[in-house]
């Protein structure tokens, strides 16, 4: 498994802007598909979804703009 992860990480280092664009678009549309198929589940648990989003977003903000990277 470790060899697989290293191989993926090395491949990602060679991604171009278009590669990342396609990756992000694919993930966005996967999220839309999940939302469409499991709408009732997500609406019933919307508070949990918002909390997970907020935690992830704050983590990225801190990692990007934290003191370590200032």
PDB file of N, CA and C in Angstrom:
ATOM      1  N   UNK A   1       0.820  -1.184   0.000  1.00  0.00           N
ATOM      2  CA  UNK A   1       0.000   0.000   0.000  1.00  0.00           C
ATOM      3  C   UNK A   1       0.870   1.256   0.000  1.00  0.00           C
ATOM      4  N   UNK A   2       1.959   1.218   0.747  1.00  0.00           N
ATOM      5  CA  UNK A   2       2.844   2.368   0.813  1.00  0.00           C
ATOM      6  C   UNK A   2       3.454   2.671  -0.560  1.00  0.00           C
ATOM      7  N   UNK A   3       3.791   1.632  -1.307  1.00  0.00           N
ATOM      8  CA  UNK A   3       4.338   1.819  -2.651  1.00  0.00           C
ATOM      9  C   UNK A   3       3.304   2.458  -3.569  1.00  0.00           C
ATOM     10  N   UNK A   4       2.049   2.053  -3.412  1.00  0.00           N
ATOM     11  CA  UNK A   4       0.977   2.636  -4.221  1.00  0.00           C
ATOM     12  C   UNK A   4       0.812   4.126  -3.924  1.00  0.00           C
ATOM     13  N   UNK A   5       0.822   4.471  -2.642  1.00  0.00           N
ATOM     14  CA  UNK A   5       0.675   5.879  -2.244  1.00  0.00           C
ATOM     15  C   UNK A   5       1.851   6.702  -2.765  1.00  0.00           C
ATOM     16  N   UNK A   6       3.065   6.178  -2.663  1.00  0.00           N
ATOM     17  CA  UNK A   6       4.234   6.892  -3.192  1.00  0.00           C
ATOM     18  C   UNK A   6       4.128   7.092  -4.699  1.00  0.00           C
ATOM     19  N   UNK A   7       3.639   6.085  -5.401  1.00  0.00           N
ATOM     20  CA  UNK A   7       3.474   6.192  -6.849  1.00  0.00           C
ATOM     21  C   UNK A   7       2.457   7.281  -7.212  1.00  0.00           C
ATOM     22  N   UNK A   8       1.351   7.324  -6.470  1.00  0.00           N
ATOM     23  CA  UNK A   8       0.327   8.342  -6.712  1.00  0.00           C
ATOM     24  C   UNK A   8       0.879   9.734  -6.409  1.00  0.00           C
ATOM     25  N   UNK A   9       1.605   9.876  -5.310  1.00  0.00           N
ATOM     26  CA  UNK A   9       2.166  11.181  -4.946  1.00  0.00           C
ATOM     27  C   UNK A   9       3.180  11.653  -5.985  1.00  0.00           C
ATOM     28  N   UNK A  10       4.003  10.760  -6.487  1.00  0.00           N
ATOM     29  CA  UNK A  10       4.969  11.132  -7.519  1.00  0.00           C
ATOM     30  C   UNK A  10       4.273  11.531  -8.816  1.00  0.00           C
ATOM     31  N   UNK A  11       3.187  10.851  -9.143  1.00  0.00           N
ATOM     32  CA  UNK A  11       2.436  11.214 -10.343  1.00  0.00           C
ATOM     33  C   UNK A  11       1.790  12.585 -10.176  1.00  0.00           C
ATOM     34  N   UNK A  12       1.277  12.867  -8.986  1.00  0.00           N
ATOM     35  CA  UNK A  12       0.613  14.150  -8.737  1.00  0.00           C
ATOM     36  C   UNK A  12       1.589  15.317  -8.848  1.00  0.00           C
ATOM     37  N   UNK A  13       2.858  15.078  -8.570  1.00  0.00           N
ATOM     38  CA  UNK A  13       3.855  16.145  -8.701  1.00  0.00           C
ATOM     39  C   UNK A  13       3.993  16.613 -10.147  1.00  0.00           C
ATOM     40  N   UNK A  14       3.619  15.770 -11.085  1.00  0.00           N
ATOM     41  CA  UNK A  14       3.728  16.112 -12.501  1.00  0.00           C
ATOM     42  C   UNK A  14       2.423  16.644 -13.093  1.00  0.00           C
ATOM     43  N   UNK A  15       1.401  16.829 -12.264  1.00  0.00           N
ATOM     44  CA  UNK A  15       0.122  17.338 -12.763  1.00  0.00           C
ATOM     45  C   UNK A  15       0.285  18.761 -13.272  1.00  0.00           C
ATOM     46  N   UNK A  16      -0.448  19.071 -14.319  1.00  0.00           N
ATOM     47  CA  UNK A  16      -0.497  20.432 -14.838  1.00  0.00           C
ATOM     48  C   UNK A  16      -1.753  21.101 -14.287  1.00  0.00           C
ATOM     49  N   UNK A  17      -1.919  22.359 -14.629  1.00  0.00           N
ATOM     50  CA  UNK A  17      -3.115  23.080 -14.208  1.00  0.00           C
ATOM     51  C   UNK A  17      -4.375  22.390 -14.741  1.00  0.00           C
ATOM     52  N   UNK A  18      -4.325  21.917 -15.965  1.00  0.00           N
ATOM     53  CA  UNK A  18      -5.480  21.238 -16.555  1.00  0.00           C
ATOM     54  C   UNK A  18      -5.772  19.923 -15.846  1.00  0.00           C
ATOM     55  N   UNK A  19      -4.738  19.211 -15.415  1.00  0.00           N
ATOM     56  CA  UNK A  19      -4.949  17.969 -14.668  1.00  0.00           C
ATOM     57  C   UNK A  19      -5.690  18.248 -13.361  1.00  0.00           C
ATOM     58  N   UNK A  20      -5.257  19.283 -12.630  1.00  0.00           N
ATOM     59  CA  UNK A  20      -5.930  19.638 -11.388  1.00  0.00           C
ATOM     60  C   UNK A  20      -7.349  20.138 -11.650  1.00  0.00           C
ATOM     61  N   UNK A  21      -7.540  20.858 -12.756  1.00  0.00           N
ATOM     62  CA  UNK A  21      -8.875  21.321 -13.117  1.00  0.00           C
ATOM     63  C   UNK A  21      -9.804  20.138 -13.347  1.00  0.00           C
ATOM     64  N   UNK A  22      -9.339  19.151 -14.086  1.00  0.00           N
ATOM     65  CA  UNK A  22     -10.161  17.967 -14.349  1.00  0.00           C
ATOM     66  C   UNK A  22     -10.436  17.196 -13.058  1.00  0.00           C
ATOM     67  N   UNK A  23      -9.438  17.092 -12.183  1.00  0.00           N
ATOM     68  CA  UNK A  23      -9.626  16.404 -10.912  1.00  0.00           C
ATOM     69  C   UNK A  23     -10.690  17.110 -10.077  1.00  0.00           C
ATOM     70  N   UNK A  24     -10.581  18.417  -9.952  1.00  0.00           N
ATOM     71  CA  UNK A  24     -11.532  19.181  -9.144  1.00  0.00           C
ATOM     72  C   UNK A  24     -12.933  19.130  -9.741  1.00  0.00           C
ATOM     73  N   UNK A  25     -13.038  19.273 -11.047  1.00  0.00           N
ATOM     74  CA  UNK A  25     -14.355  19.194 -11.685  1.00  0.00           C
ATOM     75  C   UNK A  25     -14.981  17.818 -11.478  1.00  0.00           C
ATOM     76  N   UNK A  26     -14.171  16.791 -11.598  1.00  0.00           N
ATOM     77  CA  UNK A  26     -14.673  15.438 -11.364  1.00  0.00           C
ATOM     78  C   UNK A  26     -15.188  15.267  -9.948  1.00  0.00           C
ATOM     79  N   UNK A  27     -14.457  15.799  -8.973  1.00  0.00           N
ATOM     80  CA  UNK A  27     -14.890  15.684  -7.578  1.00  0.00           C
ATOM     81  C   UNK A  27     -16.147  16.500  -7.307  1.00  0.00           C
ATOM     82  N   UNK A  28     -16.248  17.679  -7.928  1.00  0.00           N
ATOM     83  CA  UNK A  28     -17.447  18.498  -7.760  1.00  0.00           C
ATOM     84  C   UNK A  28     -18.665  17.754  -8.301  1.00  0.00           C
ATOM     85  N   UNK A  29     -18.534  17.192  -9.504  1.00  0.00           N
ATOM     86  CA  UNK A  29     -19.664  16.491 -10.082  1.00  0.00           C
ATOM     87  C   UNK A  29     -19.976  15.193  -9.350  1.00  0.00           C
ATOM     88  N   UNK A  30     -18.981  14.543  -8.777  1.00  0.00           N
ATOM     89  CA  UNK A  30     -19.247  13.379  -7.937  1.00  0.00           C
ATOM     90  C   UNK A  30     -20.072  13.800  -6.715  1.00  0.00           C
ATOM     91  N   UNK A  31     -19.727  14.937  -6.132  1.00  0.00           N
ATOM     92  CA  UNK A  31     -20.502  15.461  -5.006  1.00  0.00           C
ATOM     93  C   UNK A  31     -21.928  15.784  -5.398  1.00  0.00           C
ATOM     94  N   UNK A  32     -22.121  16.347  -6.588  1.00  0.00           N
ATOM     95  CA  UNK A  32     -23.477  16.631  -7.073  1.00  0.00           C
ATOM     96  C   UNK A  32     -24.260  15.338  -7.246  1.00  0.00           C
ATOM     97  N   UNK A  33     -23.616  14.319  -7.801  1.00  0.00           N
ATOM     98  CA  UNK A  33     -24.290  13.026  -7.972  1.00  0.00           C
ATOM     99  C   UNK A  33     -24.697  12.429  -6.629  1.00  0.00           C
ATOM    100  N   UNK A  34     -23.793  12.457  -5.659  1.00  0.00           N
ATOM    101  CA  UNK A  34     -24.135  11.946  -4.331  1.00  0.00           C
ATOM    102  C   UNK A  34     -25.297  12.730  -3.740  1.00  0.00           C
ATOM    103  N   UNK A  35     -25.262  14.056  -3.888  1.00  0.00           N
ATOM    104  CA  UNK A  35     -26.347  14.884  -3.375  1.00  0.00           C
ATOM    105  C   UNK A  35     -27.672  14.569  -4.039  1.00  0.00           C
ATOM    106  N   UNK A  36     -27.640  14.271  -5.331  1.00  0.00           N
ATOM    107  CA  UNK A  36     -28.877  13.958  -6.045  1.00  0.00           C
ATOM    108  C   UNK A  36     -29.429  12.593  -5.625  1.00  0.00           C
ATOM    109  N   UNK A  37     -28.566  11.612  -5.490  1.00  0.00           N
ATOM    110  CA  UNK A  37     -29.026  10.268  -5.158  1.00  0.00           C
ATOM    111  C   UNK A  37     -29.373  10.094  -3.680  1.00  0.00           C
ATOM    112  N   UNK A  38     -28.703  10.829  -2.828  1.00  0.00           N
ATOM    113  CA  UNK A  38     -28.912  10.682  -1.388  1.00  0.00           C
ATOM    114  C   UNK A  38     -29.418  11.975  -0.755  1.00  0.00           C
ATOM    115  N   UNK A  39     -30.263  12.716  -1.477  1.00  0.00           N
ATOM    116  CA  UNK A  39     -30.743  14.019  -1.017  1.00  0.00           C
ATOM    117  C   UNK A  39     -31.451  13.925   0.339  1.00  0.00           C
ATOM    118  N   UNK A  40     -32.302  12.951   0.503  1.00  0.00           N
ATOM    119  CA  UNK A  40     -33.043  12.819   1.763  1.00  0.00           C
ATOM    120  C   UNK A  40     -32.100  12.608   2.940  1.00  0.00           C
ATOM    121  N   UNK A  41     -31.091  11.771   2.735  1.00  0.00           N
ATOM    122  CA  UNK A  41     -30.128  11.510   3.803  1.00  0.00           C
ATOM    123  C   UNK A  41     -29.371  12.781   4.178  1.00  0.00           C
ATOM    124  N   UNK A  42     -28.881  13.517   3.177  1.00  0.00           N
ATOM    125  CA  UNK A  42     -28.097  14.714   3.457  1.00  0.00           C
ATOM    126  C   UNK A  42     -28.952  15.812   4.072  1.00  0.00           C
ATOM    127  N   UNK A  43     -30.188  15.950   3.622  1.00  0.00           N
ATOM    128  CA  UNK A  43     -31.069  16.971   4.205  1.00  0.00           C
ATOM    129  C   UNK A  43     -31.424  16.632   5.653  1.00  0.00           C
ATOM    130  N   UNK A  44     -31.573  15.360   5.948  1.00  0.00           N
ATOM    131  CA  UNK A  44     -31.871  14.954   7.321  1.00  0.00           C
ATOM    132  C   UNK A  44     -30.677  15.175   8.244  1.00  0.00           C
ATOM    133  N   UNK A  45     -29.470  15.187   7.691  1.00  0.00           N
ATOM    134  CA  UNK A  45     -28.247  15.339   8.487  1.00  0.00           C
ATOM    135  C   UNK A  45     -27.469  16.594   8.088  1.00  0.00           C
ATOM    136  N   UNK A  46     -28.183  17.646   7.721  1.00  0.00           N
ATOM    137  CA  UNK A  46     -27.532  18.836   7.179  1.00  0.00           C
ATOM    138  C   UNK A  46     -26.599  19.500   8.192  1.00  0.00           C
ATOM    139  N   UNK A  47     -26.927  19.464   9.472  1.00  0.00           N
ATOM    140  CA  UNK A  47     -26.066  20.069  10.481  1.00  0.00           C
ATOM    141  C   UNK A  47     -24.706  19.359  10.529  1.00  0.00           C
ATOM    142  N   UNK A  48     -24.711  18.053  10.429  1.00  0.00           N
ATOM    143  CA  UNK A  48     -23.455  17.291  10.422  1.00  0.00           C
ATOM    144  C   UNK A  48     -22.638  17.643   9.180  1.00  0.00           C
ATOM    145  N   UNK A  49     -23.309  17.756   8.031  1.00  0.00           N
ATOM    146  CA  UNK A  49     -22.617  18.104   6.788  1.00  0.00           C
ATOM    147  C   UNK A  49     -21.967  19.482   6.914  1.00  0.00           C
ATOM    148  N   UNK A  50     -22.702  20.460   7.464  1.00  0.00           N
ATOM    149  CA  UNK A  50     -22.144  21.803   7.641  1.00  0.00           C
ATOM    150  C   UNK A  50     -20.957  21.791   8.614  1.00  0.00           C
ATOM    151  N   UNK A  51     -21.055  21.018   9.680  1.00  0.00           N
ATOM    152  CA  UNK A  51     -19.954  20.947  10.656  1.00  0.00           C
ATOM    153  C   UNK A  51     -18.701  20.343  10.022  1.00  0.00           C
ATOM    154  N   UNK A  52     -18.859  19.279   9.270  1.00  0.00           N
ATOM    155  CA  UNK A  52     -17.713  18.664   8.596  1.00  0.00           C
ATOM    156  C   UNK A  52     -17.094  19.650   7.614  1.00  0.00           C
ATOM    157  N   UNK A  53     -17.931  20.346   6.852  1.00  0.00           N
ATOM    158  CA  UNK A  53     -17.427  21.352   5.916  1.00  0.00           C
ATOM    159  C   UNK A  53     -16.648  22.431   6.660  1.00  0.00           C
ATOM    160  N   UNK A  54     -17.206  22.962   7.739  1.00  0.00           N
ATOM    161  CA  UNK A  54     -16.558  24.055   8.483  1.00  0.00           C
ATOM    162  C   UNK A  54     -15.215  23.616   9.049  1.00  0.00           C
ATOM    163  N   UNK A  55     -15.155  22.427   9.596  1.00  0.00           N
ATOM    164  CA  UNK A  55     -13.901  21.920  10.161  1.00  0.00           C
ATOM    165  C   UNK A  55     -12.846  21.773   9.067  1.00  0.00           C
ATOM    166  N   UNK A  56     -13.229  21.179   7.945  1.00  0.00           N
ATOM    167  CA  UNK A  56     -12.284  21.006   6.831  1.00  0.00           C
ATOM    168  C   UNK A  56     -11.820  22.357   6.293  1.00  0.00           C
ATOM    169  N   UNK A  57     -12.752  23.290   6.128  1.00  0.00           N
ATOM    170  CA  UNK A  57     -12.426  24.604   5.579  1.00  0.00           C
ATOM    171  C   UNK A  57     -11.494  25.365   6.517  1.00  0.00           C
ATOM    172  N   UNK A  58     -11.785  25.341   7.803  1.00  0.00           N
ATOM    173  CA  UNK A  58     -10.911  26.018   8.766  1.00  0.00           C
ATOM    174  C   UNK A  58      -9.522  25.378   8.799  1.00  0.00           C
ATOM    175  N   UNK A  59      -9.472  24.066   8.681  1.00  0.00           N
ATOM    176  CA  UNK A  59      -8.174  23.388   8.639  1.00  0.00           C
ATOM    177  C   UNK A  59      -7.345  23.834   7.450  1.00  0.00           C
ATOM    178  N   UNK A  60      -7.975  23.948   6.288  1.00  0.00           N
ATOM    179  CA  UNK A  60      -7.258  24.408   5.098  1.00  0.00           C
ATOM    180  C   UNK A  60      -6.828  25.861   5.258  1.00  0.00           C
ATOM    181  N   UNK A  61      -7.699  26.702   5.815  1.00  0.00           N
ATOM    182  CA  UNK A  61      -7.334  28.105   6.045  1.00  0.00           C
ATOM    183  C   UNK A  61      -6.136  28.215   6.980  1.00  0.00           C
ATOM    184  N   UNK A  62      -6.155  27.469   8.059  1.00  0.00           N
ATOM    185  CA  UNK A  62      -5.035  27.511   8.999  1.00  0.00           C
ATOM    186  C   UNK A  62      -3.752  26.994   8.366  1.00  0.00           C
ATOM    187  N   UNK A  63      -3.871  25.935   7.595  1.00  0.00           N
ATOM    188  CA  UNK A  63      -2.682  25.372   6.941  1.00  0.00           C
ATOM    189  C   UNK A  63      -2.125  26.333   5.893  1.00  0.00           C
ATOM    190  N   UNK A  64      -3.000  27.082   5.240  1.00  0.00           N
ATOM    191  CA  UNK A  64      -2.581  28.004   4.189  1.00  0.00           C
ATOM    192  C   UNK A  64      -2.057  29.317   4.750  1.00  0.00           C
ATOM    193  N   UNK A  65      -2.762  29.877   5.729  1.00  0.00           N
ATOM    194  CA  UNK A  65      -2.423  31.210   6.221  1.00  0.00           C
ATOM    195  C   UNK A  65      -1.908  31.229   7.647  1.00  0.00           C
ATOM    196  N   UNK A  66      -1.617  30.075   8.222  1.00  0.00           N
ATOM    197  CA  UNK A  66      -1.138  30.012   9.602  1.00  0.00           C
ATOM    198  C   UNK A  66       0.233  30.645   9.769  1.00  0.00           C
ATOM    199  N   UNK A  67       0.652  30.805  11.010  1.00  0.00           N
ATOM    200  CA  UNK A  67       1.937  31.428  11.329  1.00  0.00           C
ATOM    201  C   UNK A  67       3.106  30.713  10.656  1.00  0.00           C
ATOM    202  N   UNK A  68       3.004  29.412  10.538  1.00  0.00           N
ATOM    203  CA  UNK A  68       4.079  28.632   9.949  1.00  0.00           C
ATOM    204  C   UNK A  68       4.359  29.041   8.498  1.00  0.00           C
ATOM    205  N   UNK A  69       3.299  29.445   7.776  1.00  0.00           N
ATOM    206  CA  UNK A  69       3.426  29.799   6.371  1.00  0.00           C
ATOM    207  C   UNK A  69       3.426  31.290   6.125  1.00  0.00           C
ATOM    208  N   UNK A  70       3.402  32.090   7.168  1.00  0.00           N
ATOM    209  CA  UNK A  70       3.343  33.552   7.000  1.00  0.00           C
ATOM    210  C   UNK A  70       4.662  34.128   6.576  1.00  0.00           C
TER     211      UNK A  70
END
